[in-house]
Each structure stands twice: as structure tokens, then as C-alpha cells.
């Protein structure tokens, strides 16, 4: 299933039966004229390389914008991969292990509290959020680099600092960790990533619809008839 949405009013345009390139291309080619497609100003999407192959074929004048959620998601998952690798090297009773295992959400916070001390379950002691983060990062330079890169990239992207974001990506030096792959992916999609820092548009509405559809599937344990499923989806997102 693939959902197409209008970025200006967040209204769904069409729910397609699958995500195949030919299905998406056929829809736009059959429903919209060349002039209408040429008038499209921007396309917001994730970093799916197969989609990018035909975006400019369908919308020759459109600006490609990589959705900010997917950029942050990529970096967050990369950081978690490195964190998991670090866990395997630690004593399960150590403070570092407790922080990396139980308090992983702290490493995804854009602005951890460095002033107020509170009881942190998992670490089982009073500490500021920033101190707990320091405990988890200081032991492993590679993880510290990944964490700092995640935070710096998040701040540049959400703060609309396009030049800073570009420099961070283009000047990154490989260090032999999964972070290399993530930064290489951002470099391959550099124009779309930079456009994300300049634009206020996002795929937030579509991600919200996706969440509703996933909840619908779980609640209904699937549908035996695809037409009935589409009817229910349209009722849900109308």
C-alpha cells in the first residue's frame, strides 16, 4: 500500500494498492497531464533510491525534499546499532551497561537536562540526564562520536541551518563504524537533505496516516477483501 498526499493541505490524494514503481508511475501518468505534472513545485519523500529514479521523470520541475523524520530516524538507528555493539563489551552489572541498556531514550533527546538531578530507573541512582549520557559515551569514543554527530545534525536540521548541515555531511571523516554508511547515505541525498533544512514542508501528515493504518490492521487482524480494507482506510483518513 502507498499513500499519496497533498503537502499544502495534508489531504490524502490516493491510496494505491502497492508500492511498485510501475504502479506509482502509471497513476500519475494516467491521472495528470504533462502540464499539470510540470507545475508541481516540490516532492517530499524518504531516501528510497528507487523512487528518486522516476521523480524527475514525472515531475521535471519539482524540488526534491527528503523528509526530516527519515533523516533523524536514519541517524538514530545508526546510533542505536553502535550502542548495541558497545553493550556486548560491558559487564552487565556496570553503570555503563545500565545506562546504555535501560536509558537508551536519553540518547535520542535533543536537549537533555544538565541541571536537575532525578532518580533514573535502570541506573538506580540520582543523576542528571546529561551525566547519565556522559557515563554511557565516555567509555566508547566511537559511540560518543555517533551521539555527538546525531545531536549536531539534529540541531542543524531542525534549526534550519542549511550551510552548517552541508558542512557536517561533506566534511565527515570515516571512522570504520556504521556511522560511515549513514553519512554516506546522507551525502548521496545531499540536495534533498539540505532542502529539508530550508523547507517547512514534511511528510508528517502521511506518517500519521500510516500509524492509523497500522493500528487498523492490528485491530482487525487483516482483511480478506482488499476493497473492504481500502473502504475502511478512506473512512479512517477522510
C-alpha atoms as a PDB file:
ATOM      1  CA  UNK A   1       0.000   0.000   0.000  1.00  0.00           C
ATOM      2  CA  UNK A   2       1.224   3.502  -0.832  1.00  0.00           C
ATOM      3  CA  UNK A   3      -0.334   6.807   0.226  1.00  0.00           C
ATOM      4  CA  UNK A   4      -0.053  10.000  -1.824  1.00  0.00           C
ATOM      5  CA  UNK A   5      -0.824  13.287  -0.070  1.00  0.00           C
ATOM      6  CA  UNK A   6      -1.043  16.989  -0.897  1.00  0.00           C
ATOM      7  CA  UNK A   7       1.699  18.809   1.017  1.00  0.00           C
ATOM      8  CA  UNK A   8      -0.249  22.087   1.213  1.00  0.00           C
ATOM      9  CA  UNK A   9      -3.445  20.896   2.855  1.00  0.00           C
ATOM     10  CA  UNK A  10      -2.285  17.460   4.116  1.00  0.00           C
ATOM     11  CA  UNK A  11      -5.263  15.798   2.435  1.00  0.00           C
ATOM     12  CA  UNK A  12      -4.757  12.285   1.005  1.00  0.00           C
ATOM     13  CA  UNK A  13      -4.833  12.212  -2.799  1.00  0.00           C
ATOM     14  CA  UNK A  14      -4.862   8.471  -3.383  1.00  0.00           C
ATOM     15  CA  UNK A  15      -4.210   5.161  -1.657  1.00  0.00           C
ATOM     16  CA  UNK A  16      -2.514   2.789  -4.098  1.00  0.00           C
ATOM     17  CA  UNK A  17      -2.658  -0.981  -3.831  1.00  0.00           C
ATOM     18  CA  UNK A  18       1.129  -1.445  -3.723  1.00  0.00           C
ATOM     19  CA  UNK A  19       4.448   0.424  -3.670  1.00  0.00           C
ATOM     20  CA  UNK A  20       5.773  -0.788  -7.003  1.00  0.00           C
ATOM     21  CA  UNK A  21       7.384   1.844  -9.202  1.00  0.00           C
ATOM     22  CA  UNK A  22       5.199   0.977 -12.176  1.00  0.00           C
ATOM     23  CA  UNK A  23       2.014   1.382 -10.119  1.00  0.00           C
ATOM     24  CA  UNK A  24       3.004   4.833  -8.909  1.00  0.00           C
ATOM     25  CA  UNK A  25       4.164   5.971 -12.349  1.00  0.00           C
ATOM     26  CA  UNK A  26       1.040   4.661 -14.042  1.00  0.00           C
ATOM     27  CA  UNK A  27      -1.193   6.524 -11.610  1.00  0.00           C
ATOM     28  CA  UNK A  28       0.381   9.916 -12.259  1.00  0.00           C
ATOM     29  CA  UNK A  29       0.776   9.384 -15.996  1.00  0.00           C
ATOM     30  CA  UNK A  30      -2.872   8.373 -16.375  1.00  0.00           C
ATOM     31  CA  UNK A  31      -4.428  10.915 -13.998  1.00  0.00           C
ATOM     32  CA  UNK A  32      -2.408  14.076 -14.674  1.00  0.00           C
ATOM     33  CA  UNK A  33      -1.318  15.798 -17.879  1.00  0.00           C
ATOM     34  CA  UNK A  34       2.271  16.734 -18.665  1.00  0.00           C
ATOM     35  CA  UNK A  35       1.498  20.387 -17.900  1.00  0.00           C
ATOM     36  CA  UNK A  36      -0.059  19.532 -14.530  1.00  0.00           C
ATOM     37  CA  UNK A  37       2.913  17.416 -13.525  1.00  0.00           C
ATOM     38  CA  UNK A  38       5.341  20.103 -14.700  1.00  0.00           C
ATOM     39  CA  UNK A  39       3.616  22.576 -12.372  1.00  0.00           C
ATOM     40  CA  UNK A  40       4.452  20.521  -9.269  1.00  0.00           C
ATOM     41  CA  UNK A  41       6.926  22.550  -7.218  1.00  0.00           C
ATOM     42  CA  UNK A  42       8.173  20.054  -4.661  1.00  0.00           C
ATOM     43  CA  UNK A  43       8.093  16.366  -3.781  1.00  0.00           C
ATOM     44  CA  UNK A  44       8.706  15.263  -0.174  1.00  0.00           C
ATOM     45  CA  UNK A  45       9.816  11.672   0.298  1.00  0.00           C
ATOM     46  CA  UNK A  46      12.144   9.340   2.164  1.00  0.00           C
ATOM     47  CA  UNK A  47      15.537   8.203   0.867  1.00  0.00           C
ATOM     48  CA  UNK A  48      14.141   5.362  -1.241  1.00  0.00           C
ATOM     49  CA  UNK A  49      16.542   5.318  -4.199  1.00  0.00           C
ATOM     50  CA  UNK A  50      14.103   3.534  -6.496  1.00  0.00           C
ATOM     51  CA  UNK A  51      11.544   6.332  -6.121  1.00  0.00           C
ATOM     52  CA  UNK A  52      14.084   9.020  -6.876  1.00  0.00           C
ATOM     53  CA  UNK A  53      14.800   7.383 -10.237  1.00  0.00           C
ATOM     54  CA  UNK A  54      11.426   8.419 -11.652  1.00  0.00           C
ATOM     55  CA  UNK A  55      10.514  11.514  -9.578  1.00  0.00           C
ATOM     56  CA  UNK A  56      12.038  13.940 -12.073  1.00  0.00           C
ATOM     57  CA  UNK A  57      10.618  11.937 -14.940  1.00  0.00           C
ATOM     58  CA  UNK A  58       7.121  12.543 -13.584  1.00  0.00           C
ATOM     59  CA  UNK A  59       7.729  16.000 -12.119  1.00  0.00           C
ATOM     60  CA  UNK A  60      10.535  17.604 -14.145  1.00  0.00           C
ATOM     61  CA  UNK A  61      10.471  20.948 -12.307  1.00  0.00           C
ATOM     62  CA  UNK A  62       9.942  19.694  -8.770  1.00  0.00           C
ATOM     63  CA  UNK A  63      12.354  20.284  -5.918  1.00  0.00           C
ATOM     64  CA  UNK A  64      13.139  17.060  -4.081  1.00  0.00           C
ATOM     65  CA  UNK A  65      12.950  17.293  -0.286  1.00  0.00           C
ATOM     66  CA  UNK A  66      13.987  14.433   1.985  1.00  0.00           C
ATOM     67  CA  UNK A  67      11.597  14.242   4.911  1.00  0.00           C
ATOM     68  CA  UNK A  68      13.227  15.345   8.178  1.00  0.00           C
ATOM     69  CA  UNK A  69      11.732  12.461  10.142  1.00  0.00           C
ATOM     70  CA  UNK A  70      13.539   9.913   7.969  1.00  0.00           C
ATOM     71  CA  UNK A  71      16.855  11.758   8.271  1.00  0.00           C
ATOM     72  CA  UNK A  72      16.655  11.749  12.070  1.00  0.00           C
ATOM     73  CA  UNK A  73      15.407   8.162  12.040  1.00  0.00           C
ATOM     74  CA  UNK A  74      18.423   7.055   9.990  1.00  0.00           C
ATOM     75  CA  UNK A  75      20.862   8.690  12.392  1.00  0.00           C
ATOM     76  CA  UNK A  76      19.002   7.421  15.466  1.00  0.00           C
ATOM     77  CA  UNK A  77      19.032   3.828  14.243  1.00  0.00           C
ATOM     78  CA  UNK A  78      22.714   4.093  13.420  1.00  0.00           C
ATOM     79  CA  UNK A  79      23.487   5.374  16.894  1.00  0.00           C
ATOM     80  CA  UNK A  80      21.441   2.504  18.392  1.00  0.00           C
ATOM     81  CA  UNK A  81      23.398  -0.017  16.312  1.00  0.00           C
ATOM     82  CA  UNK A  82      26.680   1.280  17.718  1.00  0.00           C
ATOM     83  CA  UNK A  83      25.188   1.392  21.243  1.00  0.00           C
ATOM     84  CA  UNK A  84      24.213  -2.283  20.935  1.00  0.00           C
ATOM     85  CA  UNK A  85      27.737  -3.166  19.831  1.00  0.00           C
ATOM     86  CA  UNK A  86      29.107  -1.408  22.902  1.00  0.00           C
ATOM     87  CA  UNK A  87      26.735  -3.271  25.216  1.00  0.00           C
ATOM     88  CA  UNK A  88      28.290  -6.588  24.203  1.00  0.00           C
ATOM     89  CA  UNK A  89      31.644  -5.427  25.560  1.00  0.00           C
ATOM     90  CA  UNK A  90      30.401  -4.469  29.032  1.00  0.00           C
ATOM     91  CA  UNK A  91      29.822  -6.195  32.344  1.00  0.00           C
ATOM     92  CA  UNK A  92      26.047  -6.423  32.808  1.00  0.00           C
ATOM     93  CA  UNK A  93      26.367  -5.079  36.346  1.00  0.00           C
ATOM     94  CA  UNK A  94      28.354  -1.974  35.390  1.00  0.00           C
ATOM     95  CA  UNK A  95      26.879   1.544  35.425  1.00  0.00           C
ATOM     96  CA  UNK A  96      27.777   1.949  31.759  1.00  0.00           C
ATOM     97  CA  UNK A  97      25.782  -1.142  30.828  1.00  0.00           C
ATOM     98  CA  UNK A  98      22.765   0.003  32.848  1.00  0.00           C
ATOM     99  CA  UNK A  99      22.766   3.399  31.134  1.00  0.00           C
ATOM    100  CA  UNK A 100      23.200   2.053  27.607  1.00  0.00           C
ATOM    101  CA  UNK A 101      20.663  -0.742  28.145  1.00  0.00           C
ATOM    102  CA  UNK A 102      17.877   0.884  30.143  1.00  0.00           C
ATOM    103  CA  UNK A 103      18.205   4.597  29.449  1.00  0.00           C
ATOM    104  CA  UNK A 104      18.605   4.443  25.678  1.00  0.00           C
ATOM    105  CA  UNK A 105      15.855   7.032  25.172  1.00  0.00           C
ATOM    106  CA  UNK A 106      18.069   9.689  26.741  1.00  0.00           C
ATOM    107  CA  UNK A 107      20.433   9.467  23.786  1.00  0.00           C
ATOM    108  CA  UNK A 108      17.611  10.491  21.440  1.00  0.00           C
ATOM    109  CA  UNK A 109      16.700  13.613  23.413  1.00  0.00           C
ATOM    110  CA  UNK A 110      17.607  16.834  21.640  1.00  0.00           C
ATOM    111  CA  UNK A 111      18.012  18.787  24.887  1.00  0.00           C
ATOM    112  CA  UNK A 112      18.891  16.531  27.843  1.00  0.00           C
ATOM    113  CA  UNK A 113      18.614  18.156  31.252  1.00  0.00           C
ATOM    114  CA  UNK A 114      22.042  19.025  32.631  1.00  0.00           C
ATOM    115  CA  UNK A 115      20.807  20.875  35.745  1.00  0.00           C
ATOM    116  CA  UNK A 116      18.097  18.952  37.589  1.00  0.00           C
ATOM    117  CA  UNK A 117      19.009  15.667  39.247  1.00  0.00           C
ATOM    118  CA  UNK A 118      16.316  12.987  39.465  1.00  0.00           C
ATOM    119  CA  UNK A 119      16.085   9.279  40.177  1.00  0.00           C
ATOM    120  CA  UNK A 120      16.797   7.372  36.960  1.00  0.00           C
ATOM    121  CA  UNK A 121      15.287   3.901  36.918  1.00  0.00           C
ATOM    122  CA  UNK A 122      17.684   1.458  35.293  1.00  0.00           C
ATOM    123  CA  UNK A 123      20.725   3.279  36.578  1.00  0.00           C
ATOM    124  CA  UNK A 124      19.019   3.196  40.009  1.00  0.00           C
ATOM    125  CA  UNK A 125      20.556   6.374  41.318  1.00  0.00           C
ATOM    126  CA  UNK A 126      20.007  10.113  41.289  1.00  0.00           C
ATOM    127  CA  UNK A 127      21.619  11.824  38.331  1.00  0.00           C
ATOM    128  CA  UNK A 128      21.069  14.496  35.719  1.00  0.00           C
ATOM    129  CA  UNK A 129      20.215  13.267  32.230  1.00  0.00           C
ATOM    130  CA  UNK A 130      23.426  14.752  30.859  1.00  0.00           C
ATOM    131  CA  UNK A 131      25.540  12.986  33.469  1.00  0.00           C
ATOM    132  CA  UNK A 132      23.947   9.653  32.567  1.00  0.00           C
ATOM    133  CA  UNK A 133      24.684  10.326  28.895  1.00  0.00           C
ATOM    134  CA  UNK A 134      28.308  11.110  29.773  1.00  0.00           C
ATOM    135  CA  UNK A 135      28.573   7.792  31.637  1.00  0.00           C
ATOM    136  CA  UNK A 136      27.383   5.967  28.523  1.00  0.00           C
ATOM    137  CA  UNK A 137      29.505   7.813  25.976  1.00  0.00           C
ATOM    138  CA  UNK A 138      32.830   8.431  27.705  1.00  0.00           C
ATOM    139  CA  UNK A 139      33.811   4.753  27.700  1.00  0.00           C
ATOM    140  CA  UNK A 140      33.429   4.329  23.940  1.00  0.00           C
ATOM    141  CA  UNK A 141      34.869   7.025  21.614  1.00  0.00           C
ATOM    142  CA  UNK A 142      33.035   5.591  18.599  1.00  0.00           C
ATOM    143  CA  UNK A 143      29.680   5.809  20.353  1.00  0.00           C
ATOM    144  CA  UNK A 144      30.468   9.297  21.612  1.00  0.00           C
ATOM    145  CA  UNK A 145      31.215  10.389  18.047  1.00  0.00           C
ATOM    146  CA  UNK A 146      27.941   8.869  16.831  1.00  0.00           C
ATOM    147  CA  UNK A 147      25.975  10.553  19.618  1.00  0.00           C
ATOM    148  CA  UNK A 148      27.546  13.965  19.074  1.00  0.00           C
ATOM    149  CA  UNK A 149      27.037  13.669  15.308  1.00  0.00           C
ATOM    150  CA  UNK A 150      23.374  12.777  15.880  1.00  0.00           C
ATOM    151  CA  UNK A 151      22.817  15.787  18.153  1.00  0.00           C
ATOM    152  CA  UNK A 152      24.711  18.225  15.905  1.00  0.00           C
ATOM    153  CA  UNK A 153      22.880  17.026  12.809  1.00  0.00           C
ATOM    154  CA  UNK A 154      19.516  17.196  14.611  1.00  0.00           C
ATOM    155  CA  UNK A 155      20.174  20.759  15.756  1.00  0.00           C
ATOM    156  CA  UNK A 156      21.334  21.907  12.307  1.00  0.00           C
ATOM    157  CA  UNK A 157      18.388  20.273  10.552  1.00  0.00           C
ATOM    158  CA  UNK A 158      15.635  21.386  12.918  1.00  0.00           C
ATOM    159  CA  UNK A 159      17.226  24.806  13.385  1.00  0.00           C
ATOM    160  CA  UNK A 160      17.197  25.394   9.617  1.00  0.00           C
ATOM    161  CA  UNK A 161      20.996  25.832   9.476  1.00  0.00           C
ATOM    162  CA  UNK A 162      21.466  24.527   5.931  1.00  0.00           C
ATOM    163  CA  UNK A 163      25.110  25.601   5.494  1.00  0.00           C
ATOM    164  CA  UNK A 164      26.135  24.039   8.804  1.00  0.00           C
ATOM    165  CA  UNK A 165      24.335  20.833   7.878  1.00  0.00           C
ATOM    166  CA  UNK A 166      26.036  20.696   4.487  1.00  0.00           C
ATOM    167  CA  UNK A 167      29.489  21.186   6.001  1.00  0.00           C
ATOM    168  CA  UNK A 168      28.844  18.497   8.585  1.00  0.00           C
ATOM    169  CA  UNK A 169      27.919  15.943   5.918  1.00  0.00           C
ATOM    170  CA  UNK A 170      30.548  16.817   3.302  1.00  0.00           C
ATOM    171  CA  UNK A 171      33.417  17.124   5.790  1.00  0.00           C
ATOM    172  CA  UNK A 172      32.675  13.918   7.710  1.00  0.00           C
ATOM    173  CA  UNK A 173      35.690  11.636   8.099  1.00  0.00           C
ATOM    174  CA  UNK A 174      35.002   7.855   8.075  1.00  0.00           C
ATOM    175  CA  UNK A 175      35.913   6.037  11.306  1.00  0.00           C
ATOM    176  CA  UNK A 176      35.102   2.417  10.467  1.00  0.00           C
ATOM    177  CA  UNK A 177      31.695   2.302  12.207  1.00  0.00           C
ATOM    178  CA  UNK A 178      28.096   2.043  10.939  1.00  0.00           C
ATOM    179  CA  UNK A 179      28.067   5.856  11.089  1.00  0.00           C
ATOM    180  CA  UNK A 180      30.092   5.814   7.858  1.00  0.00           C
ATOM    181  CA  UNK A 181      27.223   4.171   5.980  1.00  0.00           C
ATOM    182  CA  UNK A 182      24.642   6.606   7.360  1.00  0.00           C
ATOM    183  CA  UNK A 183      26.700   9.661   6.465  1.00  0.00           C
ATOM    184  CA  UNK A 184      27.394   8.228   3.014  1.00  0.00           C
ATOM    185  CA  UNK A 185      23.637   7.857   2.518  1.00  0.00           C
ATOM    186  CA  UNK A 186      23.102  11.494   3.505  1.00  0.00           C
ATOM    187  CA  UNK A 187      25.865  12.558   1.146  1.00  0.00           C
ATOM    188  CA  UNK A 188      24.223  10.674  -1.732  1.00  0.00           C
ATOM    189  CA  UNK A 189      20.993  12.527  -0.965  1.00  0.00           C
ATOM    190  CA  UNK A 190      22.707  15.818  -0.142  1.00  0.00           C
ATOM    191  CA  UNK A 191      20.483  18.173  -2.148  1.00  0.00           C
ATOM    192  CA  UNK A 192      17.291  16.683  -0.721  1.00  0.00           C
ATOM    193  CA  UNK A 193      18.709  16.760   2.818  1.00  0.00           C
ATOM    194  CA  UNK A 194      19.775  20.405   2.504  1.00  0.00           C
ATOM    195  CA  UNK A 195      16.352  21.274   1.067  1.00  0.00           C
ATOM    196  CA  UNK A 196      14.819  19.679   4.175  1.00  0.00           C
ATOM    197  CA  UNK A 197      16.655  22.230   6.318  1.00  0.00           C
ATOM    198  CA  UNK A 198      15.365  25.084   4.175  1.00  0.00           C
ATOM    199  CA  UNK A 199      11.750  23.981   3.814  1.00  0.00           C
ATOM    200  CA  UNK A 200       8.863  23.882   6.284  1.00  0.00           C
ATOM    201  CA  UNK A 201       7.192  21.006   4.418  1.00  0.00           C
ATOM    202  CA  UNK A 202       7.345  17.443   5.718  1.00  0.00           C
ATOM    203  CA  UNK A 203       5.678  14.039   5.441  1.00  0.00           C
ATOM    204  CA  UNK A 204       4.302  14.341   8.945  1.00  0.00           C
ATOM    205  CA  UNK A 205       0.639  14.006   7.869  1.00  0.00           C
ATOM    206  CA  UNK A 206       1.405  10.855   5.862  1.00  0.00           C
ATOM    207  CA  UNK A 207       3.328   9.329   8.756  1.00  0.00           C
ATOM    208  CA  UNK A 208       0.297   9.986  10.941  1.00  0.00           C
ATOM    209  CA  UNK A 209      -1.945   8.232   8.420  1.00  0.00           C
ATOM    210  CA  UNK A 210       0.476   5.291   8.247  1.00  0.00           C
ATOM    211  CA  UNK A 211       0.243   4.951  12.020  1.00  0.00           C
ATOM    212  CA  UNK A 212      -3.559   4.849  11.865  1.00  0.00           C
ATOM    213  CA  UNK A 213      -3.493   2.193   9.129  1.00  0.00           C
ATOM    214  CA  UNK A 214      -1.077   0.024  11.109  1.00  0.00           C
ATOM    215  CA  UNK A 215      -3.326   0.266  14.149  1.00  0.00           C
ATOM    216  CA  UNK A 216      -6.305  -0.645  11.955  1.00  0.00           C
ATOM    217  CA  UNK A 217      -4.522  -3.748  10.657  1.00  0.00           C
ATOM    218  CA  UNK A 218      -3.675  -4.879  14.177  1.00  0.00           C
ATOM    219  CA  UNK A 219      -7.207  -4.276  15.422  1.00  0.00           C
ATOM    220  CA  UNK A 220      -8.827  -6.146  12.520  1.00  0.00           C
ATOM    221  CA  UNK A 221      -6.220  -8.911  12.204  1.00  0.00           C
ATOM    222  CA  UNK A 222      -6.109  -8.231   8.454  1.00  0.00           C
ATOM    223  CA  UNK A 223      -8.769  -8.086   5.742  1.00  0.00           C
ATOM    224  CA  UNK A 224      -9.846 -10.931   3.471  1.00  0.00           C
ATOM    225  CA  UNK A 225     -11.034  -8.440   0.858  1.00  0.00           C
ATOM    226  CA  UNK A 226      -8.721  -5.625  -0.270  1.00  0.00           C
ATOM    227  CA  UNK A 227     -11.650  -3.471  -1.460  1.00  0.00           C
ATOM    228  CA  UNK A 228     -13.148  -3.586   2.036  1.00  0.00           C
ATOM    229  CA  UNK A 229      -9.808  -2.633   3.509  1.00  0.00           C
ATOM    230  CA  UNK A 230      -9.500   0.374   1.215  1.00  0.00           C
ATOM    231  CA  UNK A 231     -13.031   1.458   2.103  1.00  0.00           C
ATOM    232  CA  UNK A 232     -12.163   1.324   5.794  1.00  0.00           C
ATOM    233  CA  UNK A 233      -8.890   3.203   5.203  1.00  0.00           C
ATOM    234  CA  UNK A 234     -10.666   6.008   3.355  1.00  0.00           C
ATOM    235  CA  UNK A 235     -13.176   6.262   6.213  1.00  0.00           C
ATOM    236  CA  UNK A 236     -10.296   6.445   8.660  1.00  0.00           C
ATOM    237  CA  UNK A 237      -8.346   9.214   6.915  1.00  0.00           C
ATOM    238  CA  UNK A 238     -11.200  11.256   5.449  1.00  0.00           C
END
